[in-house]
Amino acid sequence: MAIITPEVLREEAKRDTRGRRIVDAERWRELLAGYATSGLTQTQFARREGVNYHTFVARLNRERGRTRPTGTAFIEARVPVPGWPQASTLEVQLPGGLVVRGGDPAAVAALVQALGRTG
């Protein structure tokens, strides 16, 4: 039976107020370059390097020029179906529950856009 000798490594990395390790910009550049040639999945690479997976993916997407989508992720649209009775009012439900109704699609769209800029 082999004897296992523990080794304590002292890490002097900077930490934020919640105790999370802060990785500097130079190290992120090294990590992102290393990932490109690693052949590993994002999960495997983040685990191997000891960085948070979600932070790694966000940095990788930012490096690739991708950003998080902003605005509404889902919009309900009611499309007229031939043979069905048509309603004369257009209704749009916005995030947060606000409902915009109107008969002129261009006016409703303009109002929804205006509300989106202020919210």
C-alpha atoms as a PDB file:
ATOM      1  CA  MET A   1       0.000   0.000   0.000  1.00  0.00           C
ATOM      2  CA  ALA A   2       1.404   3.387  -1.013  1.00  0.00           C
ATOM      3  CA  ILE A   3       1.630   6.232   1.441  1.00  0.00           C
ATOM      4  CA  ILE A   4       0.001   9.448   0.323  1.00  0.00           C
ATOM      5  CA  THR A   5       1.697  12.608   1.488  1.00  0.00           C
ATOM      6  CA  PRO A   6      -0.545  15.656   1.364  1.00  0.00           C
ATOM      7  CA  GLU A   7       0.898  18.852   0.002  1.00  0.00           C
ATOM      8  CA  VAL A   8      -0.577  22.201   0.939  1.00  0.00           C
ATOM      9  CA  LEU A   9      -0.318  24.836  -1.754  1.00  0.00           C
ATOM     10  CA  ARG A  10      -0.672  28.382  -0.640  1.00  0.00           C
ATOM     11  CA  GLU A  11      -2.529  30.489  -3.137  1.00  0.00           C
ATOM     12  CA  GLU A  12      -1.996  34.222  -2.876  1.00  0.00           C
ATOM     13  CA  ALA A  13      -4.663  35.194  -5.432  1.00  0.00           C
ATOM     14  CA  LYS A  14      -6.701  38.321  -4.864  1.00  0.00           C
ATOM     15  CA  ARG A  15     -10.243  37.744  -3.705  1.00  0.00           C
ATOM     16  CA  ASP A  16     -13.367  39.856  -3.766  1.00  0.00           C
ATOM     17  CA  THR A  17     -15.543  40.588  -0.740  1.00  0.00           C
ATOM     18  CA  ARG A  18     -17.399  37.290  -1.208  1.00  0.00           C
ATOM     19  CA  GLY A  19     -14.176  35.271  -1.230  1.00  0.00           C
ATOM     20  CA  ARG A  20     -14.160  34.592  -4.969  1.00  0.00           C
ATOM     21  CA  ARG A  21     -10.769  34.516  -6.656  1.00  0.00           C
ATOM     22  CA  ILE A  22     -10.099  37.462  -8.972  1.00  0.00           C
ATOM     23  CA  VAL A  23      -8.416  36.527 -12.250  1.00  0.00           C
ATOM     24  CA  ASP A  24      -6.522  39.374 -13.931  1.00  0.00           C
ATOM     25  CA  ALA A  25      -6.884  40.314 -17.615  1.00  0.00           C
ATOM     26  CA  GLU A  26      -3.553  38.759 -18.641  1.00  0.00           C
ATOM     27  CA  ARG A  27      -4.533  35.409 -17.121  1.00  0.00           C
ATOM     28  CA  TRP A  28      -7.890  35.541 -18.938  1.00  0.00           C
ATOM     29  CA  ARG A  29      -6.085  36.086 -22.258  1.00  0.00           C
ATOM     30  CA  GLU A  30      -3.903  33.052 -21.494  1.00  0.00           C
ATOM     31  CA  LEU A  31      -6.931  30.949 -20.547  1.00  0.00           C
ATOM     32  CA  LEU A  32      -8.876  31.867 -23.681  1.00  0.00           C
ATOM     33  CA  ALA A  33      -5.880  31.168 -25.918  1.00  0.00           C
ATOM     34  CA  GLY A  34      -5.291  27.881 -24.101  1.00  0.00           C
ATOM     35  CA  TYR A  35      -8.895  26.817 -24.538  1.00  0.00           C
ATOM     36  CA  ALA A  36      -8.722  27.309 -28.307  1.00  0.00           C
ATOM     37  CA  THR A  37      -5.959  24.705 -28.578  1.00  0.00           C
ATOM     38  CA  SER A  38      -6.996  22.395 -25.719  1.00  0.00           C
ATOM     39  CA  GLY A  39      -9.488  20.187 -27.543  1.00  0.00           C
ATOM     40  CA  LEU A  40     -11.608  20.135 -24.370  1.00  0.00           C
ATOM     41  CA  THR A  41     -15.207  21.130 -23.897  1.00  0.00           C
ATOM     42  CA  GLN A  42     -15.892  24.416 -22.139  1.00  0.00           C
ATOM     43  CA  THR A  43     -16.968  22.552 -19.008  1.00  0.00           C
ATOM     44  CA  GLN A  44     -13.873  20.351 -18.962  1.00  0.00           C
ATOM     45  CA  PHE A  45     -11.535  23.282 -19.571  1.00  0.00           C
ATOM     46  CA  ALA A  46     -13.101  25.488 -16.876  1.00  0.00           C
ATOM     47  CA  ARG A  47     -12.946  22.639 -14.359  1.00  0.00           C
ATOM     48  CA  ARG A  48      -9.326  21.833 -15.241  1.00  0.00           C
ATOM     49  CA  GLU A  49      -8.248  25.481 -14.893  1.00  0.00           C
ATOM     50  CA  GLY A  50     -10.273  26.072 -11.726  1.00  0.00           C
ATOM     51  CA  VAL A  51     -12.412  28.904 -13.064  1.00  0.00           C
ATOM     52  CA  ASN A  52     -16.159  29.294 -12.791  1.00  0.00           C
ATOM     53  CA  TYR A  53     -17.799  27.780 -15.877  1.00  0.00           C
ATOM     54  CA  HIS A  54     -20.327  30.608 -16.323  1.00  0.00           C
ATOM     55  CA  THR A  55     -17.659  33.283 -15.992  1.00  0.00           C
ATOM     56  CA  PHE A  56     -15.464  31.413 -18.472  1.00  0.00           C
ATOM     57  CA  VAL A  57     -18.278  31.154 -21.044  1.00  0.00           C
ATOM     58  CA  ALA A  58     -19.141  34.851 -20.617  1.00  0.00           C
ATOM     59  CA  ARG A  59     -15.494  35.835 -21.162  1.00  0.00           C
ATOM     60  CA  LEU A  60     -15.224  33.499 -24.152  1.00  0.00           C
ATOM     61  CA  ASN A  61     -18.365  34.951 -25.751  1.00  0.00           C
ATOM     62  CA  ARG A  62     -17.154  38.497 -25.106  1.00  0.00           C
ATOM     63  CA  GLU A  63     -13.820  37.621 -26.751  1.00  0.00           C
ATOM     64  CA  ARG A  64     -15.673  36.195 -29.751  1.00  0.00           C
ATOM     65  CA  GLY A  65     -17.766  39.358 -30.044  1.00  0.00           C
ATOM     66  CA  ARG A  66     -20.962  37.800 -28.762  1.00  0.00           C
ATOM     67  CA  THR A  67     -22.972  39.497 -26.067  1.00  0.00           C
ATOM     68  CA  ARG A  68     -25.957  38.507 -23.999  1.00  0.00           C
ATOM     69  CA  PRO A  69     -29.225  39.145 -25.761  1.00  0.00           C
ATOM     70  CA  THR A  70     -31.015  42.201 -24.472  1.00  0.00           C
ATOM     71  CA  GLY A  71     -34.689  43.007 -24.480  1.00  0.00           C
ATOM     72  CA  THR A  72     -37.519  40.561 -24.739  1.00  0.00           C
ATOM     73  CA  ALA A  73     -36.624  36.956 -25.378  1.00  0.00           C
ATOM     74  CA  PHE A  74     -40.178  35.962 -26.353  1.00  0.00           C
ATOM     75  CA  ILE A  75     -42.923  37.882 -28.059  1.00  0.00           C
ATOM     76  CA  GLU A  76     -46.383  36.474 -28.563  1.00  0.00           C
ATOM     77  CA  ALA A  77     -47.827  37.169 -31.990  1.00  0.00           C
ATOM     78  CA  ARG A  78     -51.324  36.335 -33.063  1.00  0.00           C
ATOM     79  CA  VAL A  79     -51.433  35.572 -36.760  1.00  0.00           C
ATOM     80  CA  PRO A  80     -54.741  35.671 -38.628  1.00  0.00           C
ATOM     81  CA  VAL A  81     -55.915  32.245 -39.725  1.00  0.00           C
ATOM     82  CA  PRO A  82     -58.012  32.070 -42.919  1.00  0.00           C
ATOM     83  CA  GLY A  83     -61.594  31.187 -42.103  1.00  0.00           C
ATOM     84  CA  TRP A  84     -61.436  32.381 -38.478  1.00  0.00           C
ATOM     85  CA  PRO A  85     -63.193  35.545 -37.369  1.00  0.00           C
ATOM     86  CA  GLN A  86     -60.770  38.466 -37.223  1.00  0.00           C
ATOM     87  CA  ALA A  87     -60.497  40.694 -34.170  1.00  0.00           C
ATOM     88  CA  SER A  88     -60.227  44.416 -34.857  1.00  0.00           C
ATOM     89  CA  THR A  89     -57.877  45.042 -31.912  1.00  0.00           C
ATOM     90  CA  LEU A  90     -54.196  44.179 -31.735  1.00  0.00           C
ATOM     91  CA  GLU A  91     -52.970  43.189 -28.260  1.00  0.00           C
ATOM     92  CA  VAL A  92     -49.338  43.018 -27.094  1.00  0.00           C
ATOM     93  CA  GLN A  93     -48.385  41.871 -23.593  1.00  0.00           C
ATOM     94  CA  LEU A  94     -45.040  43.313 -22.440  1.00  0.00           C
ATOM     95  CA  PRO A  95     -42.685  41.885 -19.809  1.00  0.00           C
ATOM     96  CA  GLY A  96     -43.991  42.843 -16.406  1.00  0.00           C
ATOM     97  CA  GLY A  97     -47.608  42.333 -17.449  1.00  0.00           C
ATOM     98  CA  LEU A  98     -48.340  45.634 -19.239  1.00  0.00           C
ATOM     99  CA  VAL A  99     -50.801  45.116 -22.123  1.00  0.00           C
ATOM    100  CA  VAL A 100     -50.902  47.460 -25.124  1.00  0.00           C
ATOM    101  CA  ARG A 101     -54.033  47.334 -27.313  1.00  0.00           C
ATOM    102  CA  GLY A 102     -54.911  49.176 -30.473  1.00  0.00           C
ATOM    103  CA  GLY A 103     -56.364  48.851 -33.938  1.00  0.00           C
ATOM    104  CA  ASP A 104     -53.434  50.336 -35.890  1.00  0.00           C
ATOM    105  CA  PRO A 105     -50.435  47.942 -35.967  1.00  0.00           C
ATOM    106  CA  ALA A 106     -47.957  50.754 -36.743  1.00  0.00           C
ATOM    107  CA  ALA A 107     -49.169  52.814 -33.777  1.00  0.00           C
ATOM    108  CA  VAL A 108     -49.056  49.823 -31.432  1.00  0.00           C
ATOM    109  CA  ALA A 109     -45.528  48.972 -32.620  1.00  0.00           C
ATOM    110  CA  ALA A 110     -44.377  52.574 -32.090  1.00  0.00           C
ATOM    111  CA  LEU A 111     -45.824  52.590 -28.578  1.00  0.00           C
ATOM    112  CA  VAL A 112     -44.193  49.252 -27.716  1.00  0.00           C
ATOM    113  CA  GLN A 113     -40.828  50.546 -28.991  1.00  0.00           C
ATOM    114  CA  ALA A 114     -41.197  53.774 -26.995  1.00  0.00           C
ATOM    115  CA  LEU A 115     -42.039  51.812 -23.848  1.00  0.00           C
ATOM    116  CA  GLY A 116     -39.043  49.540 -24.443  1.00  0.00           C
ATOM    117  CA  ARG A 117     -36.674  52.531 -24.516  1.00  0.00           C
ATOM    118  CA  THR A 118     -37.982  53.917 -21.248  1.00  0.00           C
ATOM    119  CA  GLY A 119     -38.153  50.608 -19.368  1.00  0.00           C
END
